[in-house]
């Protein structure tokens, strides 16, 4: 009986300490075989700070969260390369459109084989177009490395004005 108890204990103990295999899900065509798993909330935290810095027009904080070689790909395919160009673009855009973001969902993910950490997030954005206020929905896919935003892609959809219900 004692040997049976030791055997059950040993099997249970080793089964509980077996490393979990990260199987992953999804695919990314440019990296054949890559799968993704959920990353840590630290990736989300970087993105939330980044958006807060944009809403606060804190160019020093934005610069501090950008990698020196940041790449931004806008919804029309336009590219901004490097922190200086990004800050110059934002300075002009902020004065013209006064955008404000509200994050309504965010999910960090990580490549199983490549190890890159990303965040994909949905935002509602309010901007000025002349005197009119315009709303857009944006989905942003951003690569975060060492607490810095390396690159991000902006996908955008116009939100029709609310219908007057009177």
Protein backbone atom coordinates (compact mmCIF):
# COMPACT_ATOMS: atom_id res chain seq x y z
CA UNK A 1 0.00 0.00 0.00
CA UNK A 2 2.85 2.36 0.84
CA UNK A 3 4.47 1.76 -2.58
CA UNK A 4 1.15 2.50 -4.29
CA UNK A 5 0.83 5.76 -2.34
CA UNK A 6 4.40 6.81 -3.30
CA UNK A 7 3.74 5.94 -6.95
CA UNK A 8 0.51 8.00 -7.02
CA UNK A 9 2.26 10.90 -5.28
CA UNK A 10 5.20 10.82 -7.73
CA UNK A 11 2.95 10.69 -10.79
CA UNK A 12 0.76 13.52 -9.45
CA UNK A 13 3.77 15.67 -8.50
CA UNK A 14 5.51 15.32 -11.87
CA UNK A 15 2.26 15.85 -13.79
CA UNK A 16 1.65 19.13 -11.96
CA UNK A 17 5.13 20.41 -12.80
CA UNK A 18 5.09 19.58 -16.50
CA UNK A 19 5.76 22.68 -18.60
CA UNK A 20 2.76 23.93 -20.53
CA UNK A 21 3.23 23.86 -24.28
CA UNK A 22 2.38 27.11 -26.05
CA UNK A 23 0.41 25.88 -29.01
CA UNK A 24 -0.72 29.29 -30.23
CA UNK A 25 -3.42 30.28 -32.66
CA UNK A 26 -3.85 32.14 -35.90
CA UNK A 27 -1.32 32.83 -38.63
CA UNK A 28 0.61 35.64 -40.30
CA UNK A 29 1.42 35.01 -43.96
CA UNK A 30 4.78 36.88 -44.03
CA UNK A 31 6.03 34.63 -41.21
CA UNK A 32 4.99 31.09 -42.19
CA UNK A 33 4.33 28.85 -39.22
CA UNK A 34 4.11 31.72 -36.69
CA UNK A 35 1.36 31.32 -34.11
CA UNK A 36 0.23 33.78 -31.45
CA UNK A 37 -0.64 33.65 -27.76
CA UNK A 38 -1.86 36.30 -25.34
CA UNK A 39 0.99 38.54 -24.14
CA UNK A 40 1.24 40.35 -20.79
CA UNK A 41 -0.71 43.42 -19.79
CA UNK A 42 2.59 45.33 -19.73
CA UNK A 43 2.14 45.66 -23.50
CA UNK A 44 -1.35 47.12 -22.93
CA UNK A 45 0.06 49.48 -20.30
CA UNK A 46 2.55 50.93 -22.79
CA UNK A 47 -0.22 51.55 -25.31
CA UNK A 48 -2.53 53.16 -22.73
CA UNK A 49 0.29 55.53 -21.66
CA UNK A 50 0.99 56.29 -25.32
CA UNK A 51 -2.63 57.23 -26.03
CA UNK A 52 -2.82 59.28 -22.81
CA UNK A 53 0.29 61.19 -23.92
CA UNK A 54 -1.40 61.89 -27.28
CA UNK A 55 -4.60 63.08 -25.58
CA UNK A 56 -2.55 65.31 -23.25
CA UNK A 57 -0.41 66.62 -26.16
CA UNK A 58 2.67 65.58 -24.17
CA UNK A 59 5.28 65.47 -26.95
CA UNK A 60 8.08 64.60 -24.51
CA UNK A 61 6.16 61.54 -23.29
CA UNK A 62 5.36 60.51 -26.87
CA UNK A 63 9.02 60.91 -27.84
CA UNK A 64 10.02 58.86 -24.78
CA UNK A 65 7.65 56.03 -25.73
CA UNK A 66 8.66 56.01 -29.40
CA UNK A 67 11.59 53.95 -30.61
CA UNK A 68 14.04 56.15 -32.54
CA UNK A 69 13.17 54.27 -35.71
CA UNK A 70 9.39 54.18 -35.24
CA UNK A 71 7.33 53.50 -38.35
CA UNK A 72 3.72 54.66 -38.52
CA UNK A 73 1.50 53.51 -41.39
CA UNK A 74 -1.64 55.64 -41.65
CA UNK A 75 -5.08 54.55 -42.84
CA UNK A 76 -4.33 55.85 -46.35
CA UNK A 77 -1.00 53.99 -46.51
CA UNK A 78 1.12 57.09 -45.82
CA UNK A 79 4.28 56.31 -43.85
CA UNK A 80 6.01 58.30 -41.16
CA UNK A 81 9.58 57.19 -40.43
CA UNK A 82 11.41 58.12 -37.24
CA UNK A 83 10.53 59.97 -34.07
CA UNK A 84 11.34 63.46 -35.33
CA UNK A 85 9.04 63.11 -38.35
CA UNK A 86 6.33 61.61 -36.15
CA UNK A 87 6.51 64.48 -33.63
CA UNK A 88 6.45 67.07 -36.47
CA UNK A 89 3.41 65.38 -38.01
CA UNK A 90 1.59 65.25 -34.66
CA UNK A 91 2.36 68.89 -33.88
CA UNK A 92 0.69 70.01 -37.11
CA UNK A 93 -2.17 67.51 -36.92
CA UNK A 94 -2.98 68.31 -33.27
CA UNK A 95 -3.31 72.03 -34.09
CA UNK A 96 -5.54 71.34 -37.12
CA UNK A 97 -7.75 68.42 -36.06
CA UNK A 98 -7.49 68.33 -32.23
CA UNK A 99 -7.96 64.52 -32.12
CA UNK A 100 -8.97 62.81 -28.87
CA UNK A 101 -8.88 59.03 -28.47
CA UNK A 102 -10.96 56.76 -26.27
CA UNK A 103 -9.73 53.16 -26.12
CA UNK A 104 -12.67 50.77 -25.95
CA UNK A 105 -10.82 47.45 -26.27
CA UNK A 106 -7.26 46.22 -26.27
CA UNK A 107 -5.56 42.85 -26.50
CA UNK A 108 -1.84 42.12 -26.21
CA UNK A 109 -0.43 39.22 -28.20
CA UNK A 110 2.92 37.59 -28.75
CA UNK A 111 4.44 35.49 -31.51
CA UNK A 112 5.22 31.98 -30.22
CA UNK A 113 8.27 31.39 -32.41
CA UNK A 114 9.27 35.00 -33.19
CA UNK A 115 8.61 36.39 -29.69
CA UNK A 116 7.51 39.83 -30.90
CA UNK A 117 4.92 41.49 -28.65
CA UNK A 118 2.05 43.43 -30.12
CA UNK A 119 -1.14 45.11 -29.03
CA UNK A 120 -4.26 45.43 -31.12
CA UNK A 121 -6.70 48.03 -29.86
CA UNK A 122 -9.94 49.70 -30.85
CA UNK A 123 -10.40 53.44 -30.37
CA UNK A 124 -13.14 55.94 -30.97
CA UNK A 125 -11.61 59.21 -32.13
CA UNK A 126 -13.18 62.65 -32.17
CA UNK A 127 -11.61 65.23 -34.52
CA UNK A 128 -12.36 68.63 -35.92
CA UNK A 129 -12.93 69.04 -39.64
CA UNK A 130 -13.12 72.80 -39.95
CA UNK A 131 -15.89 73.76 -37.55
CA UNK A 132 -17.53 70.33 -37.59
CA UNK A 133 -16.82 67.53 -35.14
CA UNK A 134 -16.18 64.18 -36.79
CA UNK A 135 -16.07 60.73 -35.23
CA UNK A 136 -14.05 57.81 -36.49
CA UNK A 137 -13.31 54.32 -35.26
CA UNK A 138 -9.70 53.22 -35.42
CA UNK A 139 -8.08 49.87 -34.94
CA UNK A 140 -4.38 50.09 -34.30
CA UNK A 141 -1.95 47.17 -34.43
CA UNK A 142 1.27 48.16 -32.66
CA UNK A 143 4.56 46.36 -32.06
CA UNK A 144 5.97 47.05 -28.59
CA UNK A 145 9.58 46.20 -27.72
CA UNK A 146 11.42 47.04 -24.52
CA UNK A 147 8.63 49.41 -23.48
CA UNK A 148 8.83 51.38 -26.74
CA UNK A 149 6.44 51.62 -29.68
CA UNK A 150 8.36 50.25 -32.67
CA UNK A 151 5.68 50.53 -35.32
CA UNK A 152 1.96 50.72 -35.71
CA UNK A 153 -0.66 50.42 -38.41
CA UNK A 154 -3.85 52.51 -38.32
CA UNK A 155 -7.06 51.14 -39.81
CA UNK A 156 -9.92 53.63 -39.83
CA UNK A 157 -13.66 53.78 -40.42
CA UNK A 158 -15.88 56.87 -40.55
CA UNK A 159 -18.73 56.90 -38.04
CA UNK A 160 -21.90 58.40 -39.51
CA UNK A 161 -23.38 61.30 -37.55
CA UNK A 162 -26.05 60.34 -35.05
CA UNK A 163 -29.53 60.70 -36.50
CA UNK A 164 -31.72 63.32 -34.93
CA UNK A 165 -34.52 61.41 -33.14
CA UNK A 166 -36.88 64.37 -32.68
